[in-house]
Amino acid sequence: MNSVHPEIVEAISDCARLFQGEIDKLAETYSLTVDNRFPALDLHVHPHFQATLEYALWADAGVIAVKGKLNLDQEKMRCESVLVTMKFSLTCEPQSDIDFKKLRIEEILYGEGELCWSDQPAGLTDHLELTITFQTKPGASRMNEYVRGVLGIITGKMLAA
């Protein structure tokens, strides 16, 4: 049976704290509401030590689901990187040029990560669903840039950094 060493739990906890700080900053900066205030945490110890944090951030225009998979360097006992998946499900202004908004987001985020557009639900012509997946260092604030850009373009309101 595998045991979890205290230093591994501490390393995961340190990284999770940095990630939580970024989520709190997003919520404060963009007036988002964090669902349940604390994340769902999934911890695996075999075959590799991994932790996944999940958040739901609510905005006036919809929801942003954020999932961070913490990658732990077992030799150094610290979190080296976080694989982040951000799913935006947002409503646009009526009669918005959806294709232009998609193109603009793709231009801004080109090469930054993997972008995946979901098909719009039937009857929702003013709704966009986008998933962005990228690798980052803990505390690097890349999520802030993406939320600002995507929310600004989709809602038509440019947001301060």
N, C-alpha and C. Protein backbone atom coordinates (compact mmCIF):
# COMPACT_ATOMS: atom_id res chain seq x y z
N MET A 1 0.83 -1.17 0.00
CA MET A 1 0.00 0.00 0.00
C MET A 1 0.88 1.25 0.00
N ASN A 2 0.51 2.23 -0.80
CA ASN A 2 1.27 3.47 -0.87
C ASN A 2 0.94 4.38 0.30
N SER A 3 1.95 5.10 0.74
CA SER A 3 1.70 6.09 1.78
C SER A 3 2.04 7.46 1.21
N VAL A 4 1.40 8.47 1.74
CA VAL A 4 1.65 9.83 1.29
C VAL A 4 2.57 10.50 2.30
N HIS A 5 3.69 10.97 1.83
CA HIS A 5 4.65 11.63 2.70
C HIS A 5 4.20 13.06 2.97
N PRO A 6 4.44 13.55 4.19
CA PRO A 6 4.01 14.91 4.53
C PRO A 6 4.55 15.98 3.59
N GLU A 7 5.79 15.81 3.11
CA GLU A 7 6.37 16.82 2.22
C GLU A 7 5.63 16.87 0.87
N ILE A 8 5.05 15.76 0.45
CA ILE A 8 4.27 15.75 -0.79
C ILE A 8 2.97 16.52 -0.58
N VAL A 9 2.32 16.27 0.53
CA VAL A 9 1.08 16.99 0.85
C VAL A 9 1.38 18.48 0.98
N GLU A 10 2.51 18.82 1.58
CA GLU A 10 2.89 20.23 1.74
C GLU A 10 3.15 20.88 0.37
N ALA A 11 3.84 20.16 -0.52
CA ALA A 11 4.11 20.71 -1.86
C ALA A 11 2.82 20.93 -2.63
N ILE A 12 1.91 19.99 -2.56
CA ILE A 12 0.62 20.13 -3.24
C ILE A 12 -0.17 21.28 -2.61
N SER A 13 -0.13 21.37 -1.31
CA SER A 13 -0.83 22.44 -0.61
C SER A 13 -0.28 23.82 -0.99
N ASP A 14 1.04 23.94 -1.09
CA ASP A 14 1.66 25.21 -1.48
C ASP A 14 1.21 25.62 -2.88
N CYS A 15 1.22 24.68 -3.80
CA CYS A 15 0.81 24.96 -5.18
C CYS A 15 -0.68 25.29 -5.23
N ALA A 16 -1.47 24.55 -4.50
CA ALA A 16 -2.92 24.81 -4.47
C ALA A 16 -3.21 26.19 -3.91
N ARG A 17 -2.42 26.63 -2.93
CA ARG A 17 -2.59 27.97 -2.36
C ARG A 17 -2.32 29.05 -3.41
N LEU A 18 -1.27 28.87 -4.21
CA LEU A 18 -0.97 29.82 -5.29
C LEU A 18 -2.11 29.85 -6.31
N PHE A 19 -2.61 28.68 -6.66
CA PHE A 19 -3.71 28.59 -7.63
C PHE A 19 -4.96 29.25 -7.05
N GLN A 20 -5.24 28.99 -5.78
CA GLN A 20 -6.39 29.61 -5.11
C GLN A 20 -6.24 31.13 -5.12
N GLY A 21 -5.03 31.62 -4.92
CA GLY A 21 -4.78 33.06 -4.96
C GLY A 21 -5.12 33.66 -6.31
N GLU A 22 -4.78 32.95 -7.38
CA GLU A 22 -5.13 33.42 -8.73
C GLU A 22 -6.64 33.44 -8.93
N ILE A 23 -7.32 32.42 -8.43
CA ILE A 23 -8.78 32.37 -8.55
C ILE A 23 -9.41 33.53 -7.78
N ASP A 24 -8.92 33.77 -6.56
CA ASP A 24 -9.44 34.88 -5.76
C ASP A 24 -9.22 36.22 -6.45
N LYS A 25 -8.05 36.38 -7.08
CA LYS A 25 -7.75 37.63 -7.79
C LYS A 25 -8.68 37.80 -8.99
N LEU A 26 -8.93 36.71 -9.72
CA LEU A 26 -9.88 36.76 -10.84
C LEU A 26 -11.25 37.20 -10.36
N ALA A 27 -11.69 36.59 -9.28
CA ALA A 27 -13.02 36.90 -8.74
C ALA A 27 -13.12 38.37 -8.35
N GLU A 28 -12.10 38.87 -7.69
CA GLU A 28 -12.11 40.27 -7.25
C GLU A 28 -12.00 41.23 -8.43
N THR A 29 -11.09 40.97 -9.35
CA THR A 29 -10.84 41.88 -10.47
C THR A 29 -12.04 41.98 -11.41
N TYR A 30 -12.69 40.87 -11.69
CA TYR A 30 -13.75 40.85 -12.70
C TYR A 30 -15.14 40.65 -12.12
N SER A 31 -15.28 40.86 -10.82
CA SER A 31 -16.58 40.73 -10.14
C SER A 31 -17.23 39.38 -10.42
N LEU A 32 -16.46 38.33 -10.26
CA LEU A 32 -16.95 36.96 -10.45
C LEU A 32 -17.29 36.37 -9.09
N THR A 33 -18.25 35.48 -9.08
CA THR A 33 -18.62 34.78 -7.86
C THR A 33 -18.07 33.37 -7.93
N VAL A 34 -17.30 32.98 -6.92
CA VAL A 34 -16.74 31.63 -6.86
C VAL A 34 -17.78 30.72 -6.24
N ASP A 35 -18.20 29.71 -7.00
CA ASP A 35 -19.21 28.77 -6.53
C ASP A 35 -18.65 27.97 -5.35
N ASN A 36 -19.36 27.96 -4.25
CA ASN A 36 -18.99 27.23 -3.02
C ASN A 36 -17.70 27.71 -2.37
N ARG A 37 -17.08 28.74 -2.90
CA ARG A 37 -15.91 29.40 -2.34
C ARG A 37 -14.64 28.54 -2.32
N PHE A 38 -14.77 27.23 -2.18
CA PHE A 38 -13.60 26.36 -2.17
C PHE A 38 -13.70 25.38 -3.33
N PRO A 39 -12.55 24.91 -3.84
CA PRO A 39 -12.58 24.04 -5.01
C PRO A 39 -12.90 22.59 -4.67
N ALA A 40 -13.28 21.87 -5.72
CA ALA A 40 -13.32 20.42 -5.60
C ALA A 40 -11.87 19.97 -5.75
N LEU A 41 -11.43 19.05 -4.93
CA LEU A 41 -10.05 18.58 -4.96
C LEU A 41 -10.04 17.08 -5.20
N ASP A 42 -9.26 16.67 -6.18
CA ASP A 42 -9.10 15.25 -6.50
C ASP A 42 -7.62 14.94 -6.36
N LEU A 43 -7.27 14.00 -5.50
CA LEU A 43 -5.87 13.67 -5.23
C LEU A 43 -5.61 12.22 -5.58
N HIS A 44 -4.55 11.99 -6.37
CA HIS A 44 -4.12 10.64 -6.72
C HIS A 44 -2.68 10.46 -6.27
N VAL A 45 -2.38 9.30 -5.71
CA VAL A 45 -1.01 9.03 -5.25
C VAL A 45 -0.34 7.90 -6.02
N HIS A 46 -1.09 7.21 -6.86
CA HIS A 46 -0.49 6.09 -7.60
C HIS A 46 -0.97 6.12 -9.03
N PRO A 47 -0.18 5.97 -10.03
CA PRO A 47 1.27 5.73 -10.00
C PRO A 47 2.09 7.01 -9.79
N HIS A 48 1.50 8.18 -10.03
CA HIS A 48 2.19 9.45 -9.81
C HIS A 48 1.34 10.31 -8.89
N PHE A 49 2.00 11.20 -8.19
CA PHE A 49 1.27 12.11 -7.32
C PHE A 49 0.68 13.23 -8.16
N GLN A 50 -0.63 13.36 -8.13
CA GLN A 50 -1.32 14.39 -8.88
C GLN A 50 -2.47 14.94 -8.05
N ALA A 51 -2.73 16.21 -8.25
CA ALA A 51 -3.89 16.83 -7.62
C ALA A 51 -4.59 17.67 -8.67
N THR A 52 -5.90 17.66 -8.65
CA THR A 52 -6.69 18.47 -9.56
C THR A 52 -7.66 19.32 -8.75
N LEU A 53 -7.67 20.61 -9.06
CA LEU A 53 -8.57 21.56 -8.40
C LEU A 53 -9.60 22.02 -9.43
N GLU A 54 -10.86 22.13 -9.02
CA GLU A 54 -11.90 22.59 -9.94
C GLU A 54 -12.72 23.70 -9.30
N TYR A 55 -12.96 24.75 -10.08
CA TYR A 55 -13.72 25.92 -9.63
C TYR A 55 -14.79 26.26 -10.66
N ALA A 56 -15.85 26.89 -10.22
CA ALA A 56 -16.84 27.50 -11.11
C ALA A 56 -16.92 28.97 -10.72
N LEU A 57 -16.67 29.84 -11.70
CA LEU A 57 -16.71 31.29 -11.49
C LEU A 57 -17.89 31.85 -12.28
N TRP A 58 -18.80 32.51 -11.58
CA TRP A 58 -20.00 33.04 -12.22
C TRP A 58 -19.84 34.51 -12.52
N ALA A 59 -20.19 34.88 -13.77
CA ALA A 59 -20.19 36.28 -14.21
C ALA A 59 -21.60 36.63 -14.65
N ASP A 60 -21.84 37.91 -14.88
CA ASP A 60 -23.15 38.32 -15.38
C ASP A 60 -23.47 37.64 -16.71
N ALA A 61 -22.43 37.41 -17.51
CA ALA A 61 -22.62 36.84 -18.85
C ALA A 61 -22.66 35.31 -18.87
N GLY A 62 -22.36 34.65 -17.75
CA GLY A 62 -22.36 33.19 -17.74
C GLY A 62 -21.39 32.62 -16.72
N VAL A 63 -20.77 31.51 -17.08
CA VAL A 63 -19.90 30.80 -16.14
C VAL A 63 -18.56 30.48 -16.78
N ILE A 64 -17.53 30.46 -15.94
CA ILE A 64 -16.19 30.03 -16.35
C ILE A 64 -15.81 28.89 -15.41
N ALA A 65 -15.64 27.71 -15.96
CA ALA A 65 -15.19 26.56 -15.17
C ALA A 65 -13.67 26.46 -15.32
N VAL A 66 -12.98 26.37 -14.21
CA VAL A 66 -11.52 26.32 -14.22
C VAL A 66 -11.07 25.04 -13.54
N LYS A 67 -10.20 24.31 -14.24
CA LYS A 67 -9.64 23.07 -13.69
C LYS A 67 -8.13 23.17 -13.78
N GLY A 68 -7.47 22.96 -12.66
CA GLY A 68 -6.01 23.00 -12.63
C GLY A 68 -5.46 21.66 -12.18
N LYS A 69 -4.66 21.06 -13.03
CA LYS A 69 -4.01 19.79 -12.69
C LYS A 69 -2.58 20.12 -12.27
N LEU A 70 -2.29 19.92 -11.00
CA LEU A 70 -0.99 20.25 -10.44
C LEU A 70 0.00 19.13 -10.73
N ASN A 71 1.10 19.48 -11.38
CA ASN A 71 2.12 18.50 -11.72
C ASN A 71 3.27 18.61 -10.73
N LEU A 72 3.46 17.58 -9.95
CA LEU A 72 4.44 17.59 -8.87
C LEU A 72 5.74 16.91 -9.30
N ASP A 73 6.85 17.60 -9.11
CA ASP A 73 8.17 17.01 -9.31
C ASP A 73 8.51 16.28 -8.01
N GLN A 74 8.49 14.95 -8.07
CA GLN A 74 8.65 14.16 -6.85
C GLN A 74 10.07 14.24 -6.28
N GLU A 75 11.06 14.49 -7.13
CA GLU A 75 12.43 14.59 -6.63
C GLU A 75 12.66 15.89 -5.88
N LYS A 76 12.12 16.99 -6.41
CA LYS A 76 12.31 18.30 -5.78
C LYS A 76 11.22 18.61 -4.76
N MET A 77 10.18 17.77 -4.74
CA MET A 77 9.05 17.95 -3.84
C MET A 77 8.43 19.35 -3.97
N ARG A 78 8.20 19.74 -5.23
CA ARG A 78 7.50 21.00 -5.46
C ARG A 78 6.71 20.91 -6.76
N CYS A 79 5.75 21.78 -6.86
CA CYS A 79 4.89 21.83 -8.04
C CYS A 79 5.59 22.64 -9.12
N GLU A 80 5.91 21.99 -10.22
CA GLU A 80 6.64 22.65 -11.31
C GLU A 80 5.72 23.37 -12.28
N SER A 81 4.54 22.81 -12.52
CA SER A 81 3.64 23.43 -13.49
C SER A 81 2.20 23.02 -13.19
N VAL A 82 1.30 23.74 -13.84
CA VAL A 82 -0.13 23.47 -13.70
C VAL A 82 -0.71 23.40 -15.11
N LEU A 83 -1.43 22.33 -15.41
CA LEU A 83 -2.16 22.23 -16.66
C LEU A 83 -3.55 22.79 -16.38
N VAL A 84 -3.87 23.91 -17.02
CA VAL A 84 -5.12 24.61 -16.75
C VAL A 84 -6.08 24.43 -17.92
N THR A 85 -7.32 24.12 -17.60
CA THR A 85 -8.40 24.08 -18.59
C THR A 85 -9.46 25.06 -18.12
N MET A 86 -9.75 26.03 -18.99
CA MET A 86 -10.78 27.04 -18.69
C MET A 86 -11.90 26.88 -19.71
N LYS A 87 -13.11 26.64 -19.22
CA LYS A 87 -14.27 26.50 -20.09
C LYS A 87 -15.18 27.71 -19.88
N PHE A 88 -15.32 28.49 -20.93
CA PHE A 88 -16.17 29.68 -20.90
C PHE A 88 -17.52 29.32 -21.53
N SER A 89 -18.59 29.62 -20.85
CA SER A 89 -19.94 29.46 -21.38
C SER A 89 -20.64 30.79 -21.13
N LEU A 90 -20.63 31.65 -22.16
CA LEU A 90 -21.02 33.04 -21.98
C LEU A 90 -22.03 33.51 -23.02
N THR A 91 -22.86 34.45 -22.62
CA THR A 91 -23.86 35.05 -23.49
C THR A 91 -23.32 36.37 -24.02
N CYS A 92 -23.52 36.59 -25.32
CA CYS A 92 -23.10 37.84 -25.98
C CYS A 92 -24.28 38.80 -26.06
N GLU A 93 -23.97 40.01 -26.44
CA GLU A 93 -25.03 40.97 -26.72
C GLU A 93 -25.84 40.44 -27.92
N PRO A 94 -27.17 40.64 -27.91
CA PRO A 94 -27.97 40.22 -29.06
C PRO A 94 -27.47 40.89 -30.34
N GLN A 95 -27.59 40.22 -31.44
CA GLN A 95 -27.15 40.67 -32.75
C GLN A 95 -25.63 40.89 -32.83
N SER A 96 -24.88 40.24 -31.97
CA SER A 96 -23.42 40.33 -32.04
C SER A 96 -22.93 39.52 -33.23
N ASP A 97 -21.80 39.93 -33.76
CA ASP A 97 -21.16 39.18 -34.83
C ASP A 97 -20.30 38.09 -34.17
N ILE A 98 -20.92 36.93 -33.97
CA ILE A 98 -20.26 35.82 -33.25
C ILE A 98 -18.97 35.41 -33.96
N ASP A 99 -19.01 35.31 -35.27
CA ASP A 99 -17.82 34.88 -36.00
C ASP A 99 -16.67 35.86 -35.82
N PHE A 100 -16.97 37.16 -35.79
CA PHE A 100 -15.94 38.17 -35.57
C PHE A 100 -15.35 38.01 -34.17
N LYS A 101 -16.20 37.78 -33.18
CA LYS A 101 -15.73 37.60 -31.80
C LYS A 101 -14.81 36.38 -31.70
N LYS A 102 -15.21 35.29 -32.34
CA LYS A 102 -14.37 34.08 -32.33
C LYS A 102 -13.01 34.37 -32.97
N LEU A 103 -13.04 35.03 -34.13
CA LEU A 103 -11.80 35.35 -34.84
C LEU A 103 -10.90 36.24 -33.98
N ARG A 104 -11.47 37.22 -33.34
CA ARG A 104 -10.70 38.14 -32.49
C ARG A 104 -10.06 37.40 -31.32
N ILE A 105 -10.81 36.51 -30.68
CA ILE A 105 -10.26 35.72 -29.57
C ILE A 105 -9.12 34.84 -30.07
N GLU A 106 -9.31 34.21 -31.22
CA GLU A 106 -8.26 33.35 -31.78
C GLU A 106 -7.01 34.15 -32.11
N GLU A 107 -7.18 35.38 -32.60
CA GLU A 107 -6.02 36.24 -32.89
C GLU A 107 -5.25 36.56 -31.62
N ILE A 108 -5.97 36.92 -30.58
CA ILE A 108 -5.33 37.31 -29.32
C ILE A 108 -4.64 36.13 -28.65
N LEU A 109 -5.27 34.97 -28.69
CA LEU A 109 -4.73 33.80 -27.98
C LEU A 109 -3.92 32.87 -28.87
N TYR A 110 -3.64 33.28 -30.10
CA TYR A 110 -2.91 32.44 -31.04
C TYR A 110 -1.58 31.97 -30.43
N GLY A 111 -1.39 30.66 -30.42
CA GLY A 111 -0.16 30.08 -29.93
C GLY A 111 -0.03 30.01 -28.41
N GLU A 112 -1.01 30.52 -27.69
CA GLU A 112 -0.95 30.55 -26.23
C GLU A 112 -1.37 29.24 -25.59
N GLY A 113 -2.18 28.50 -26.28
CA GLY A 113 -2.69 27.25 -25.74
C GLY A 113 -3.61 26.62 -26.77
N GLU A 114 -4.28 25.59 -26.38
CA GLU A 114 -5.21 24.89 -27.27
C GLU A 114 -6.61 25.47 -27.09
N LEU A 115 -7.21 25.93 -28.19
CA LEU A 115 -8.56 26.49 -28.16
C LEU A 115 -9.52 25.52 -28.81
N CYS A 116 -10.68 25.36 -28.22
CA CYS A 116 -11.70 24.47 -28.77
C CYS A 116 -13.06 25.13 -28.62
N TRP A 117 -13.73 25.40 -29.74
CA TRP A 117 -15.07 25.99 -29.73
C TRP A 117 -16.09 24.88 -29.72
N SER A 118 -17.09 24.99 -28.86
CA SER A 118 -18.19 24.02 -28.84
C SER A 118 -19.31 24.55 -29.71
N ASP A 119 -20.08 23.64 -30.28
CA ASP A 119 -21.24 24.04 -31.06
C ASP A 119 -22.24 24.72 -30.14
N GLN A 120 -22.90 25.73 -30.68
CA GLN A 120 -23.91 26.44 -29.90
C GLN A 120 -25.12 25.55 -29.70
N PRO A 121 -25.69 25.59 -28.49
CA PRO A 121 -26.94 24.85 -28.27
C PRO A 121 -28.03 25.38 -29.21
N ALA A 122 -28.90 24.51 -29.65
CA ALA A 122 -29.97 24.89 -30.58
C ALA A 122 -30.78 26.06 -30.01
N GLY A 123 -30.98 27.06 -30.85
CA GLY A 123 -31.79 28.21 -30.46
C GLY A 123 -31.03 29.30 -29.73
N LEU A 124 -29.79 29.05 -29.35
CA LEU A 124 -29.00 30.08 -28.67
C LEU A 124 -28.02 30.70 -29.66
N THR A 125 -28.43 31.78 -30.28
CA THR A 125 -27.58 32.42 -31.28
C THR A 125 -26.64 33.45 -30.66
N ASP A 126 -26.86 33.79 -29.41
CA ASP A 126 -26.02 34.79 -28.75
C ASP A 126 -25.21 34.16 -27.61
N HIS A 127 -24.77 32.93 -27.81
CA HIS A 127 -24.07 32.18 -26.77
C HIS A 127 -22.78 31.58 -27.35
N LEU A 128 -21.69 31.67 -26.60
CA LEU A 128 -20.42 31.09 -27.03
C LEU A 128 -19.89 30.15 -25.95
N GLU A 129 -19.31 29.04 -26.40
CA GLU A 129 -18.65 28.12 -25.49
C GLU A 129 -17.25 27.85 -26.02
N LEU A 130 -16.27 28.15 -25.19
CA LEU A 130 -14.87 28.04 -25.57
C LEU A 130 -14.11 27.35 -24.46
N THR A 131 -13.21 26.44 -24.85
CA THR A 131 -12.31 25.79 -23.90
C THR A 131 -10.88 26.14 -24.27
N ILE A 132 -10.13 26.61 -23.29
CA ILE A 132 -8.72 26.94 -23.48
C ILE A 132 -7.93 26.03 -22.55
N THR A 133 -6.92 25.35 -23.09
CA THR A 133 -6.06 24.49 -22.28
C THR A 133 -4.62 24.96 -22.47
N PHE A 134 -3.92 25.15 -21.36
CA PHE A 134 -2.54 25.63 -21.43
C PHE A 134 -1.76 25.20 -20.20
N GLN A 135 -0.45 25.16 -20.35
CA GLN A 135 0.46 24.83 -19.26
C GLN A 135 1.02 26.13 -18.70
N THR A 136 1.12 26.25 -17.39
CA THR A 136 1.65 27.47 -16.79
C THR A 136 2.39 27.14 -15.50
N LYS A 137 3.14 28.09 -15.02
CA LYS A 137 3.80 27.95 -13.71
C LYS A 137 2.83 28.43 -12.64
N PRO A 138 2.87 27.85 -11.46
CA PRO A 138 1.98 28.30 -10.39
C PRO A 138 2.18 29.79 -10.09
N GLY A 139 1.09 30.53 -10.04
CA GLY A 139 1.16 31.95 -9.72
C GLY A 139 1.53 32.86 -10.88
N ALA A 140 1.60 32.35 -12.11
CA ALA A 140 2.05 33.14 -13.26
C ALA A 140 0.99 34.11 -13.80
N SER A 141 -0.24 34.02 -13.36
CA SER A 141 -1.33 34.94 -13.72
C SER A 141 -1.75 34.90 -15.19
N ARG A 142 -1.47 33.85 -15.89
CA ARG A 142 -1.93 33.76 -17.29
C ARG A 142 -3.45 33.67 -17.36
N MET A 143 -4.07 33.09 -16.34
CA MET A 143 -5.54 33.00 -16.35
C MET A 143 -6.15 34.39 -16.39
N ASN A 144 -5.54 35.34 -15.69
CA ASN A 144 -6.04 36.71 -15.66
C ASN A 144 -6.10 37.30 -17.08
N GLU A 145 -5.03 37.11 -17.84
CA GLU A 145 -4.98 37.63 -19.21
C GLU A 145 -6.09 37.02 -20.07
N TYR A 146 -6.30 35.74 -19.94
CA TYR A 146 -7.29 35.06 -20.77
C TYR A 146 -8.71 35.47 -20.39
N VAL A 147 -8.99 35.57 -19.10
CA VAL A 147 -10.33 35.99 -18.67
C VAL A 147 -10.60 37.41 -19.15
N ARG A 148 -9.63 38.29 -18.98
CA ARG A 148 -9.82 39.68 -19.42
C ARG A 148 -10.11 39.74 -20.92
N GLY A 149 -9.30 39.04 -21.71
CA GLY A 149 -9.49 39.07 -23.16
C GLY A 149 -10.81 38.47 -23.60
N VAL A 150 -11.11 37.28 -23.12
CA VAL A 150 -12.33 36.58 -23.55
C VAL A 150 -13.58 37.31 -23.06
N LEU A 151 -13.62 37.68 -21.79
CA LEU A 151 -14.79 38.40 -21.27
C LEU A 151 -14.97 39.73 -21.99
N GLY A 152 -13.87 40.45 -22.21
CA GLY A 152 -13.95 41.74 -22.88
C GLY A 152 -14.50 41.63 -24.28
N ILE A 153 -14.05 40.66 -25.03
CA ILE A 153 -14.51 40.50 -26.41
C ILE A 153 -15.95 40.00 -26.45
N ILE A 154 -16.27 39.02 -25.65
CA ILE A 154 -17.61 38.44 -25.71
C ILE A 154 -18.67 39.41 -25.19
N THR A 155 -18.38 40.09 -24.10
CA THR A 155 -19.38 41.00 -23.54
C THR A 155 -19.36 42.38 -24.19
N GLY A 156 -18.27 42.69 -24.90
CA GLY A 156 -18.15 44.00 -25.53
C GLY A 156 -17.70 45.07 -24.56
N LYS A 157 -17.33 44.68 -23.35
CA LYS A 157 -16.87 45.64 -22.34
C LYS A 157 -15.40 45.36 -22.06
N MET A 158 -14.55 46.29 -22.43
CA MET A 158 -13.13 46.10 -22.17
C MET A 158 -12.90 46.25 -20.67
N LEU A 159 -12.20 45.30 -20.12
CA LEU A 159 -12.01 45.23 -18.68
C LEU A 159 -10.59 45.66 -18.31
N ALA A 160 -10.46 46.36 -17.21
CA ALA A 160 -9.15 46.78 -16.73
C ALA A 160 -8.38 45.58 -16.23
N ALA A 161 -7.07 45.65 -16.34
CA ALA A 161 -6.23 44.55 -15.88
C ALA A 161 -6.09 44.55 -14.39
